[in-house]
Amino acid sequence: MTELATLHRLLENLIRLGTIAEVQHRPPRVTVSTGDLITTWLPWIAGRAGADQEWDPPTAGEQVLLLSPSGQLANGFVITGLFSDALPANGERAGLHRRSYADGAVIEYDSLAHHLSAVLPEGGTTHLTSSGGLHIVGPITHVGDYTQTGNQTITGQVNVSDDVVAAGISLVEHRHGEVKQGNDLSGAPQ
């Protein structure tokens, strides 16, 4: 190969567009299809990889930028996150930060509407552990059953549309025995 051809090949390999061909999770590496070539296993750039880390592996078919120092593809690394016709953007305007997952879950913050939303697919679950406590300011609307373990202290009025049952005794349906007129007290609820 002539020096000019070698130089041309090295320059062409410095920066290339490609798509993820395969993903390996341990160690984190990908192969990239670029032109007629498929690279060896190469690292991808993560959002953070130090004391704070972010794990978000790319997926097959994702368009990427391949950077190869000195034009040697075997020494390359991969920058992910390029939208393509095959995998178009999941948003369409400024002020929207949206994360879409392969199973249909979507977490987004709309800074124009000041709205945070997290929607999980059917059967999805949420687990939050905060041993130091949880503080919520603002009205809460809850739909569905609610189970609590532990004590509850309420400051303010409690409105109940149907009934309150304590130790099997209905607030609405219970009766008092030993009722007398005057200043006497009734018996315990039955």
N, C-alpha and C. Protein backbone atom coordinates (compact mmCIF):
# COMPACT_ATOMS: atom_id res chain seq x y z
N MET A 1 0.85 -1.17 0.00
CA MET A 1 0.00 0.00 0.00
C MET A 1 0.90 1.23 0.00
N THR A 2 0.56 2.19 -0.80
CA THR A 2 1.38 3.40 -0.88
C THR A 2 1.18 4.26 0.36
N GLU A 3 2.13 5.14 0.62
CA GLU A 3 2.02 6.03 1.77
C GLU A 3 0.79 6.92 1.65
N LEU A 4 0.47 7.35 0.45
CA LEU A 4 -0.70 8.21 0.24
C LEU A 4 -1.99 7.46 0.54
N ALA A 5 -2.07 6.20 0.12
CA ALA A 5 -3.26 5.39 0.40
C ALA A 5 -3.39 5.12 1.90
N THR A 6 -2.27 4.85 2.55
CA THR A 6 -2.29 4.62 4.00
C THR A 6 -2.73 5.87 4.73
N LEU A 7 -2.19 7.01 4.35
CA LEU A 7 -2.57 8.28 4.96
C LEU A 7 -4.06 8.56 4.75
N HIS A 8 -4.57 8.29 3.56
CA HIS A 8 -5.99 8.49 3.26
C HIS A 8 -6.86 7.61 4.15
N ARG A 9 -6.46 6.32 4.32
CA ARG A 9 -7.22 5.39 5.15
C ARG A 9 -7.21 5.85 6.61
N LEU A 10 -6.08 6.28 7.12
CA LEU A 10 -5.98 6.74 8.51
C LEU A 10 -6.84 7.98 8.74
N LEU A 11 -6.81 8.91 7.79
CA LEU A 11 -7.63 10.11 7.93
C LEU A 11 -9.12 9.77 7.89
N GLU A 12 -9.49 8.87 6.99
CA GLU A 12 -10.90 8.46 6.89
C GLU A 12 -11.38 7.79 8.17
N ASN A 13 -10.49 7.09 8.87
CA ASN A 13 -10.87 6.37 10.08
C ASN A 13 -10.87 7.23 11.34
N LEU A 14 -10.37 8.46 11.28
CA LEU A 14 -10.34 9.31 12.47
C LEU A 14 -11.73 9.52 13.05
N ILE A 15 -12.69 9.87 12.19
CA ILE A 15 -14.07 10.13 12.61
C ILE A 15 -14.99 9.45 11.61
N ARG A 16 -15.80 8.52 12.10
CA ARG A 16 -16.72 7.80 11.21
C ARG A 16 -18.10 7.71 11.86
N LEU A 17 -19.12 7.74 11.05
CA LEU A 17 -20.48 7.43 11.50
C LEU A 17 -20.67 5.93 11.39
N GLY A 18 -21.50 5.39 12.28
CA GLY A 18 -21.79 3.97 12.21
C GLY A 18 -23.01 3.65 13.04
N THR A 19 -23.31 2.37 13.15
CA THR A 19 -24.40 1.90 14.00
C THR A 19 -23.88 0.76 14.87
N ILE A 20 -24.45 0.64 16.05
CA ILE A 20 -24.06 -0.44 16.95
C ILE A 20 -24.45 -1.77 16.33
N ALA A 21 -23.48 -2.66 16.21
CA ALA A 21 -23.76 -3.99 15.67
C ALA A 21 -24.07 -4.97 16.81
N GLU A 22 -23.22 -4.96 17.85
CA GLU A 22 -23.41 -5.84 19.00
C GLU A 22 -23.05 -5.09 20.27
N VAL A 23 -23.65 -5.54 21.39
CA VAL A 23 -23.37 -4.94 22.70
C VAL A 23 -22.94 -6.04 23.65
N GLN A 24 -21.86 -5.76 24.36
CA GLN A 24 -21.36 -6.66 25.41
C GLN A 24 -21.38 -5.87 26.71
N HIS A 25 -21.93 -6.45 27.78
CA HIS A 25 -22.09 -5.71 29.02
C HIS A 25 -20.93 -5.87 29.99
N ARG A 26 -20.21 -6.98 29.97
CA ARG A 26 -19.06 -7.18 30.85
C ARG A 26 -17.91 -7.74 30.06
N PRO A 27 -16.85 -7.03 29.85
CA PRO A 27 -16.71 -5.60 30.09
C PRO A 27 -17.55 -4.81 29.10
N PRO A 28 -17.90 -3.58 29.43
CA PRO A 28 -18.79 -2.80 28.54
C PRO A 28 -18.09 -2.44 27.23
N ARG A 29 -18.53 -3.09 26.17
CA ARG A 29 -17.94 -2.87 24.84
C ARG A 29 -19.01 -3.05 23.78
N VAL A 30 -18.78 -2.46 22.62
CA VAL A 30 -19.67 -2.62 21.47
C VAL A 30 -18.84 -2.85 20.22
N THR A 31 -19.46 -3.44 19.21
CA THR A 31 -18.88 -3.43 17.87
C THR A 31 -19.72 -2.47 17.05
N VAL A 32 -19.08 -1.82 16.08
CA VAL A 32 -19.75 -0.81 15.28
C VAL A 32 -19.65 -1.19 13.81
N SER A 33 -20.79 -1.11 13.14
CA SER A 33 -20.82 -1.30 11.69
C SER A 33 -20.67 0.08 11.06
N THR A 34 -19.62 0.24 10.25
CA THR A 34 -19.35 1.52 9.61
C THR A 34 -18.86 1.25 8.19
N GLY A 35 -19.64 1.67 7.22
CA GLY A 35 -19.31 1.34 5.83
C GLY A 35 -19.36 -0.16 5.65
N ASP A 36 -18.30 -0.73 5.08
CA ASP A 36 -18.22 -2.18 4.88
C ASP A 36 -17.51 -2.88 6.03
N LEU A 37 -17.19 -2.14 7.08
CA LEU A 37 -16.41 -2.68 8.19
C LEU A 37 -17.26 -2.91 9.43
N ILE A 38 -16.85 -3.90 10.22
CA ILE A 38 -17.36 -4.05 11.58
C ILE A 38 -16.14 -4.05 12.48
N THR A 39 -16.15 -3.16 13.46
CA THR A 39 -14.99 -2.98 14.33
C THR A 39 -14.83 -4.13 15.30
N THR A 40 -13.72 -4.14 15.97
CA THR A 40 -13.51 -5.02 17.11
C THR A 40 -14.30 -4.43 18.28
N TRP A 41 -14.24 -5.07 19.46
CA TRP A 41 -14.96 -4.58 20.63
C TRP A 41 -14.34 -3.27 21.11
N LEU A 42 -15.15 -2.23 21.22
CA LEU A 42 -14.69 -0.89 21.59
C LEU A 42 -15.51 -0.36 22.76
N PRO A 43 -14.91 0.50 23.61
CA PRO A 43 -15.68 1.11 24.70
C PRO A 43 -16.58 2.23 24.18
N TRP A 44 -17.67 2.47 24.90
CA TRP A 44 -18.51 3.61 24.58
C TRP A 44 -18.37 4.64 25.69
N ILE A 45 -18.65 5.89 25.39
CA ILE A 45 -18.55 6.96 26.37
C ILE A 45 -19.84 7.01 27.18
N ALA A 46 -19.68 6.93 28.51
CA ALA A 46 -20.82 7.00 29.42
C ALA A 46 -20.96 8.43 29.94
N GLY A 47 -22.12 8.76 30.48
CA GLY A 47 -22.34 10.08 31.05
C GLY A 47 -21.37 10.37 32.19
N ARG A 48 -21.12 9.38 33.03
CA ARG A 48 -20.16 9.49 34.13
C ARG A 48 -19.53 8.13 34.36
N ALA A 49 -18.21 8.11 34.65
CA ALA A 49 -17.52 6.85 34.88
C ALA A 49 -16.45 7.00 35.96
N GLY A 50 -16.71 7.82 36.97
CA GLY A 50 -15.76 8.02 38.06
C GLY A 50 -16.38 7.59 39.37
N ALA A 51 -16.21 8.42 40.42
CA ALA A 51 -16.84 8.12 41.71
C ALA A 51 -18.36 8.08 41.56
N ASP A 52 -18.92 8.99 40.76
CA ASP A 52 -20.32 8.92 40.35
C ASP A 52 -20.34 8.25 39.00
N GLN A 53 -21.27 7.33 38.81
CA GLN A 53 -21.31 6.58 37.56
C GLN A 53 -22.71 6.53 36.99
N GLU A 54 -22.77 6.38 35.70
CA GLU A 54 -24.06 6.22 35.00
C GLU A 54 -23.96 5.00 34.10
N TRP A 55 -24.90 4.09 34.25
CA TRP A 55 -24.93 2.88 33.42
C TRP A 55 -26.13 2.99 32.49
N ASP A 56 -25.87 3.06 31.22
CA ASP A 56 -26.92 3.18 30.22
C ASP A 56 -26.38 2.64 28.90
N PRO A 57 -26.30 1.32 28.75
CA PRO A 57 -25.67 0.75 27.57
C PRO A 57 -26.44 1.07 26.29
N PRO A 58 -25.71 1.24 25.19
CA PRO A 58 -26.37 1.47 23.91
C PRO A 58 -27.09 0.20 23.44
N THR A 59 -27.87 0.34 22.39
CA THR A 59 -28.60 -0.80 21.84
C THR A 59 -28.22 -1.01 20.38
N ALA A 60 -28.37 -2.24 19.93
CA ALA A 60 -28.07 -2.56 18.53
C ALA A 60 -28.92 -1.68 17.61
N GLY A 61 -28.30 -1.17 16.58
CA GLY A 61 -28.99 -0.33 15.61
C GLY A 61 -28.89 1.16 15.91
N GLU A 62 -28.40 1.52 17.10
CA GLU A 62 -28.27 2.93 17.48
C GLU A 62 -27.14 3.58 16.68
N GLN A 63 -27.43 4.75 16.13
CA GLN A 63 -26.41 5.47 15.36
C GLN A 63 -25.40 6.10 16.31
N VAL A 64 -24.11 6.00 15.94
CA VAL A 64 -23.04 6.48 16.82
C VAL A 64 -21.97 7.19 16.00
N LEU A 65 -21.09 7.85 16.73
CA LEU A 65 -19.90 8.48 16.16
C LEU A 65 -18.71 7.69 16.67
N LEU A 66 -17.86 7.24 15.76
CA LEU A 66 -16.69 6.45 16.09
C LEU A 66 -15.46 7.33 15.94
N LEU A 67 -14.74 7.53 17.05
CA LEU A 67 -13.51 8.31 17.03
C LEU A 67 -12.34 7.37 17.22
N SER A 68 -11.37 7.46 16.32
CA SER A 68 -10.22 6.55 16.36
C SER A 68 -8.93 7.35 16.34
N PRO A 69 -8.29 7.54 17.50
CA PRO A 69 -7.03 8.26 17.53
C PRO A 69 -6.01 7.63 16.58
N SER A 70 -5.31 8.46 15.87
CA SER A 70 -4.30 8.04 14.88
C SER A 70 -4.91 7.27 13.71
N GLY A 71 -6.24 7.22 13.63
CA GLY A 71 -6.88 6.54 12.52
C GLY A 71 -6.91 5.03 12.64
N GLN A 72 -6.56 4.52 13.80
CA GLN A 72 -6.57 3.07 14.03
C GLN A 72 -7.91 2.67 14.66
N LEU A 73 -8.76 1.99 13.90
CA LEU A 73 -10.10 1.63 14.39
C LEU A 73 -10.05 0.78 15.66
N ALA A 74 -9.03 -0.04 15.81
CA ALA A 74 -8.92 -0.91 16.98
C ALA A 74 -8.71 -0.10 18.26
N ASN A 75 -8.26 1.14 18.14
CA ASN A 75 -8.06 2.01 19.30
C ASN A 75 -9.23 2.98 19.49
N GLY A 76 -10.29 2.77 18.78
CA GLY A 76 -11.39 3.71 18.78
C GLY A 76 -12.25 3.65 20.03
N PHE A 77 -13.12 4.64 20.16
CA PHE A 77 -14.15 4.67 21.19
C PHE A 77 -15.40 5.26 20.57
N VAL A 78 -16.53 5.01 21.20
CA VAL A 78 -17.83 5.26 20.59
C VAL A 78 -18.60 6.31 21.37
N ILE A 79 -19.13 7.29 20.66
CA ILE A 79 -20.01 8.29 21.24
C ILE A 79 -21.42 7.97 20.78
N THR A 80 -22.30 7.69 21.73
CA THR A 80 -23.68 7.31 21.41
C THR A 80 -24.59 8.52 21.41
N GLY A 81 -25.84 8.30 21.03
CA GLY A 81 -26.85 9.34 21.18
C GLY A 81 -27.14 10.14 19.92
N LEU A 82 -26.91 9.58 18.75
CA LEU A 82 -27.26 10.27 17.51
C LEU A 82 -28.58 9.72 17.00
N PHE A 83 -29.59 10.58 16.92
CA PHE A 83 -30.88 10.13 16.37
C PHE A 83 -30.71 9.82 14.90
N SER A 84 -31.58 8.97 14.39
CA SER A 84 -31.50 8.56 12.98
C SER A 84 -32.91 8.34 12.45
N ASP A 85 -33.02 8.09 11.16
CA ASP A 85 -34.32 7.76 10.58
C ASP A 85 -34.87 6.47 11.19
N ALA A 86 -33.98 5.52 11.47
CA ALA A 86 -34.42 4.25 12.04
C ALA A 86 -34.85 4.40 13.50
N LEU A 87 -34.19 5.30 14.23
CA LEU A 87 -34.52 5.55 15.64
C LEU A 87 -34.63 7.05 15.84
N PRO A 88 -35.79 7.62 15.50
CA PRO A 88 -35.96 9.09 15.57
C PRO A 88 -36.06 9.60 17.01
N ALA A 89 -35.97 10.91 17.15
CA ALA A 89 -36.04 11.57 18.46
C ALA A 89 -37.38 11.29 19.14
N ASN A 90 -37.35 11.21 20.47
CA ASN A 90 -38.56 10.96 21.26
C ASN A 90 -39.14 12.26 21.83
N GLY A 91 -38.80 13.38 21.25
CA GLY A 91 -39.34 14.67 21.65
C GLY A 91 -39.37 15.58 20.44
N GLU A 92 -40.07 16.72 20.61
CA GLU A 92 -40.25 17.58 19.44
C GLU A 92 -40.18 19.06 19.74
N ARG A 93 -39.74 19.42 20.98
CA ARG A 93 -39.72 20.85 21.29
C ARG A 93 -38.76 21.14 22.44
N ALA A 94 -38.42 22.42 22.57
CA ALA A 94 -37.59 22.89 23.67
C ALA A 94 -38.36 22.80 24.98
N GLY A 95 -37.64 22.72 26.10
CA GLY A 95 -38.27 22.69 27.41
C GLY A 95 -38.71 21.31 27.86
N LEU A 96 -38.52 20.30 27.03
CA LEU A 96 -38.96 18.95 27.37
C LEU A 96 -37.75 18.04 27.54
N HIS A 97 -37.61 17.45 28.72
CA HIS A 97 -36.57 16.46 28.97
C HIS A 97 -37.29 15.14 29.16
N ARG A 98 -37.14 14.24 28.21
CA ARG A 98 -37.90 12.99 28.22
C ARG A 98 -36.95 11.80 28.10
N ARG A 99 -37.18 10.80 28.94
CA ARG A 99 -36.44 9.55 28.87
C ARG A 99 -37.45 8.45 28.57
N SER A 100 -37.30 7.80 27.41
CA SER A 100 -38.19 6.72 27.01
C SER A 100 -37.43 5.40 27.11
N TYR A 101 -38.07 4.39 27.62
CA TYR A 101 -37.45 3.09 27.79
C TYR A 101 -38.07 2.08 26.82
N ALA A 102 -37.32 1.03 26.52
CA ALA A 102 -37.75 0.03 25.55
C ALA A 102 -39.06 -0.65 25.93
N ASP A 103 -39.37 -0.75 27.25
CA ASP A 103 -40.61 -1.42 27.67
C ASP A 103 -41.83 -0.49 27.66
N GLY A 104 -41.63 0.78 27.27
CA GLY A 104 -42.74 1.72 27.20
C GLY A 104 -42.78 2.73 28.33
N ALA A 105 -41.94 2.59 29.35
CA ALA A 105 -41.91 3.56 30.45
C ALA A 105 -41.39 4.89 29.93
N VAL A 106 -41.93 5.99 30.47
CA VAL A 106 -41.50 7.33 30.08
C VAL A 106 -41.41 8.19 31.34
N ILE A 107 -40.25 8.82 31.52
CA ILE A 107 -40.06 9.79 32.61
C ILE A 107 -39.71 11.10 31.94
N GLU A 108 -40.43 12.15 32.29
CA GLU A 108 -40.16 13.43 31.63
C GLU A 108 -40.42 14.61 32.56
N TYR A 109 -39.69 15.69 32.26
CA TYR A 109 -39.96 16.96 32.92
C TYR A 109 -40.15 18.02 31.85
N ASP A 110 -41.27 18.72 31.92
CA ASP A 110 -41.59 19.79 31.00
C ASP A 110 -41.37 21.11 31.73
N SER A 111 -40.26 21.80 31.41
CA SER A 111 -39.94 23.03 32.13
C SER A 111 -40.82 24.20 31.72
N LEU A 112 -41.51 24.10 30.60
CA LEU A 112 -42.44 25.15 30.22
C LEU A 112 -43.75 25.03 30.98
N ALA A 113 -44.21 23.80 31.17
CA ALA A 113 -45.45 23.56 31.92
C ALA A 113 -45.19 23.31 33.40
N HIS A 114 -43.92 23.19 33.79
CA HIS A 114 -43.54 22.90 35.18
C HIS A 114 -44.19 21.60 35.65
N HIS A 115 -44.02 20.55 34.87
CA HIS A 115 -44.70 19.28 35.15
C HIS A 115 -43.72 18.12 35.04
N LEU A 116 -43.69 17.29 36.10
CA LEU A 116 -42.88 16.08 36.14
C LEU A 116 -43.82 14.89 36.01
N SER A 117 -43.48 13.95 35.14
CA SER A 117 -44.34 12.80 34.90
C SER A 117 -43.49 11.53 34.80
N ALA A 118 -43.98 10.46 35.42
CA ALA A 118 -43.37 9.14 35.29
C ALA A 118 -44.49 8.15 35.02
N VAL A 119 -44.45 7.50 33.87
CA VAL A 119 -45.49 6.53 33.49
C VAL A 119 -44.81 5.20 33.23
N LEU A 120 -45.23 4.17 33.97
CA LEU A 120 -44.68 2.84 33.80
C LEU A 120 -45.64 1.99 32.98
N PRO A 121 -45.13 0.97 32.31
CA PRO A 121 -46.02 0.08 31.55
C PRO A 121 -46.93 -0.72 32.48
N GLU A 122 -47.96 -1.31 31.94
CA GLU A 122 -48.91 -2.12 32.72
C GLU A 122 -48.15 -3.14 33.55
N GLY A 123 -48.46 -3.19 34.85
CA GLY A 123 -47.80 -4.12 35.76
C GLY A 123 -46.50 -3.59 36.33
N GLY A 124 -46.08 -2.39 35.94
CA GLY A 124 -44.84 -1.81 36.46
C GLY A 124 -44.97 -1.51 37.94
N THR A 125 -43.87 -1.55 38.65
CA THR A 125 -43.86 -1.28 40.09
C THR A 125 -42.86 -0.17 40.40
N THR A 126 -43.04 0.46 41.56
CA THR A 126 -42.15 1.52 42.02
C THR A 126 -41.74 1.22 43.45
N HIS A 127 -40.47 1.38 43.74
CA HIS A 127 -39.96 1.16 45.09
C HIS A 127 -39.10 2.35 45.47
N LEU A 128 -39.42 2.99 46.58
CA LEU A 128 -38.67 4.13 47.06
C LEU A 128 -38.26 3.87 48.50
N THR A 129 -36.97 3.91 48.78
CA THR A 129 -36.46 3.75 50.13
C THR A 129 -35.81 5.05 50.55
N SER A 130 -36.27 5.62 51.64
CA SER A 130 -35.74 6.87 52.16
C SER A 130 -35.75 6.78 53.67
N SER A 131 -34.71 6.15 54.26
CA SER A 131 -34.71 5.88 55.69
C SER A 131 -34.71 7.15 56.53
N GLY A 132 -34.33 8.26 55.95
CA GLY A 132 -34.35 9.52 56.67
C GLY A 132 -35.69 10.23 56.63
N GLY A 133 -36.63 9.70 55.85
CA GLY A 133 -37.97 10.28 55.77
C GLY A 133 -38.30 10.76 54.37
N LEU A 134 -39.53 11.13 54.19
CA LEU A 134 -40.05 11.62 52.92
C LEU A 134 -40.91 12.83 53.24
N HIS A 135 -40.65 13.93 52.58
CA HIS A 135 -41.38 15.17 52.83
C HIS A 135 -42.04 15.61 51.52
N ILE A 136 -43.35 15.70 51.52
CA ILE A 136 -44.10 16.12 50.33
C ILE A 136 -44.87 17.39 50.69
N VAL A 137 -44.73 18.41 49.87
CA VAL A 137 -45.48 19.65 50.07
C VAL A 137 -46.42 19.81 48.89
N GLY A 138 -47.69 19.95 49.16
CA GLY A 138 -48.68 20.12 48.10
C GLY A 138 -49.78 19.10 48.24
N PRO A 139 -50.91 19.33 47.58
CA PRO A 139 -52.03 18.40 47.64
C PRO A 139 -51.66 17.06 47.00
N ILE A 140 -52.22 15.99 47.53
CA ILE A 140 -51.97 14.65 47.01
C ILE A 140 -53.31 14.03 46.63
N THR A 141 -53.38 13.49 45.44
CA THR A 141 -54.54 12.71 45.01
C THR A 141 -54.06 11.29 44.78
N HIS A 142 -54.70 10.34 45.45
CA HIS A 142 -54.28 8.94 45.34
C HIS A 142 -55.48 8.13 44.88
N VAL A 143 -55.29 7.27 43.88
CA VAL A 143 -56.34 6.39 43.40
C VAL A 143 -55.85 4.96 43.60
N GLY A 144 -56.63 4.15 44.29
CA GLY A 144 -56.23 2.77 44.56
C GLY A 144 -56.17 2.52 46.05
N ASP A 145 -55.93 1.27 46.41
CA ASP A 145 -55.86 0.90 47.82
C ASP A 145 -54.59 1.46 48.43
N TYR A 146 -54.61 1.59 49.75
CA TYR A 146 -53.49 2.16 50.49
C TYR A 146 -53.27 1.32 51.74
N THR A 147 -52.08 0.84 51.97
CA THR A 147 -51.75 0.08 53.16
C THR A 147 -50.59 0.77 53.85
N GLN A 148 -50.74 0.97 55.15
CA GLN A 148 -49.68 1.62 55.92
C GLN A 148 -49.32 0.77 57.11
N THR A 149 -48.04 0.67 57.41
CA THR A 149 -47.57 0.03 58.63
C THR A 149 -46.92 1.12 59.46
N GLY A 150 -47.37 1.29 60.68
CA GLY A 150 -46.82 2.34 61.53
C GLY A 150 -47.90 3.30 61.96
N ASN A 151 -47.51 4.23 62.78
CA ASN A 151 -48.46 5.20 63.33
C ASN A 151 -48.72 6.32 62.34
N GLN A 152 -49.81 7.01 62.56
CA GLN A 152 -50.16 8.15 61.72
C GLN A 152 -50.64 9.29 62.59
N THR A 153 -50.12 10.47 62.35
CA THR A 153 -50.55 11.66 63.06
C THR A 153 -51.10 12.63 62.04
N ILE A 154 -52.29 13.14 62.30
CA ILE A 154 -52.93 14.06 61.36
C ILE A 154 -53.21 15.37 62.08
N THR A 155 -52.78 16.45 61.48
CA THR A 155 -53.13 17.77 61.99
C THR A 155 -54.14 18.34 61.00
N GLY A 156 -55.34 18.55 61.41
CA GLY A 156 -56.37 19.03 60.51
C GLY A 156 -57.55 18.08 60.48
N GLN A 157 -58.47 18.38 59.62
CA GLN A 157 -59.73 17.64 59.54
C GLN A 157 -59.58 16.43 58.62
N VAL A 158 -60.27 15.34 58.98
CA VAL A 158 -60.31 14.15 58.14
C VAL A 158 -61.75 13.98 57.67
N ASN A 159 -61.95 13.94 56.37
CA ASN A 159 -63.29 13.71 55.81
C ASN A 159 -63.31 12.33 55.18
N VAL A 160 -64.31 11.53 55.53
CA VAL A 160 -64.44 10.18 55.01
C VAL A 160 -65.82 10.05 54.39
N SER A 161 -65.90 9.61 53.15
CA SER A 161 -67.20 9.55 52.48
C SER A 161 -68.03 8.34 52.88
N ASP A 162 -67.40 7.22 53.27
CA ASP A 162 -68.18 6.02 53.58
C ASP A 162 -68.20 5.71 55.06
N ASP A 163 -67.11 5.25 55.61
CA ASP A 163 -67.12 4.81 57.01
C ASP A 163 -65.68 4.72 57.50
N VAL A 164 -65.51 4.72 58.80
CA VAL A 164 -64.23 4.46 59.46
C VAL A 164 -64.46 3.26 60.36
N VAL A 165 -63.61 2.25 60.25
CA VAL A 165 -63.73 1.05 61.06
C VAL A 165 -62.47 0.93 61.91
N ALA A 166 -62.62 0.89 63.23
CA ALA A 166 -61.48 0.74 64.14
C ALA A 166 -61.70 -0.49 64.99
N ALA A 167 -60.75 -1.41 64.97
CA ALA A 167 -60.85 -2.67 65.73
C ALA A 167 -62.18 -3.37 65.46
N GLY A 168 -62.63 -3.32 64.22
CA GLY A 168 -63.86 -3.99 63.83
C GLY A 168 -65.13 -3.24 64.14
N ILE A 169 -65.04 -2.05 64.68
CA ILE A 169 -66.23 -1.28 65.06
C ILE A 169 -66.41 -0.14 64.07
N SER A 170 -67.58 -0.11 63.44
CA SER A 170 -67.91 0.91 62.45
C SER A 170 -68.29 2.21 63.11
N LEU A 171 -67.76 3.31 62.65
CA LEU A 171 -68.13 4.63 63.16
C LEU A 171 -69.58 4.94 62.78
N VAL A 172 -69.99 4.52 61.61
CA VAL A 172 -71.34 4.81 61.12
C VAL A 172 -72.37 3.86 61.72
N GLU A 173 -72.07 2.58 61.81
CA GLU A 173 -73.05 1.56 62.18
C GLU A 173 -73.04 1.15 63.66
N HIS A 174 -72.10 1.57 64.45
CA HIS A 174 -72.04 1.06 65.82
C HIS A 174 -73.17 1.65 66.68
N ARG A 175 -73.53 0.90 67.67
CA ARG A 175 -74.59 1.30 68.60
C ARG A 175 -74.01 1.42 70.01
N HIS A 176 -74.58 2.27 70.81
CA HIS A 176 -74.18 2.41 72.21
C HIS A 176 -75.24 1.77 73.09
N GLY A 177 -74.79 0.92 74.00
CA GLY A 177 -75.71 0.32 74.96
C GLY A 177 -75.78 1.19 76.21
N GLU A 178 -76.67 0.84 77.08
CA GLU A 178 -76.80 1.50 78.37
C GLU A 178 -76.98 3.01 78.21
N VAL A 179 -77.83 3.42 77.28
CA VAL A 179 -78.07 4.85 77.04
C VAL A 179 -79.12 5.35 78.02
N LYS A 180 -78.85 6.46 78.67
CA LYS A 180 -79.79 7.09 79.59
C LYS A 180 -79.84 8.56 79.25
N GLN A 181 -80.92 9.18 79.59
CA GLN A 181 -81.02 10.62 79.37
C GLN A 181 -80.30 11.37 80.47
N GLY A 182 -80.01 12.61 80.22
CA GLY A 182 -79.40 13.43 81.25
C GLY A 182 -77.89 13.48 81.10
N ASN A 183 -77.22 13.57 82.23
CA ASN A 183 -75.76 13.74 82.22
C ASN A 183 -74.99 12.43 82.23
N ASP A 184 -75.68 11.28 82.24
CA ASP A 184 -75.01 9.99 82.24
C ASP A 184 -74.29 9.75 80.92
N LEU A 185 -73.24 8.92 80.98
CA LEU A 185 -72.51 8.51 79.78
C LEU A 185 -73.06 7.21 79.28
N SER A 186 -73.00 7.00 77.98
CA SER A 186 -73.47 5.73 77.41
C SER A 186 -72.41 4.68 77.62
N GLY A 187 -72.76 3.43 77.33
CA GLY A 187 -71.80 2.35 77.40
C GLY A 187 -70.87 2.39 76.20
N ALA A 188 -69.93 1.44 76.17
CA ALA A 188 -68.96 1.37 75.07
C ALA A 188 -69.67 0.98 73.77
N PRO A 189 -69.09 1.33 72.63
CA PRO A 189 -69.70 0.93 71.36
C PRO A 189 -69.79 -0.58 71.26
N GLN A 190 -70.81 -1.07 70.56
CA GLN A 190 -70.99 -2.51 70.41
C GLN A 190 -70.84 -2.91 68.96
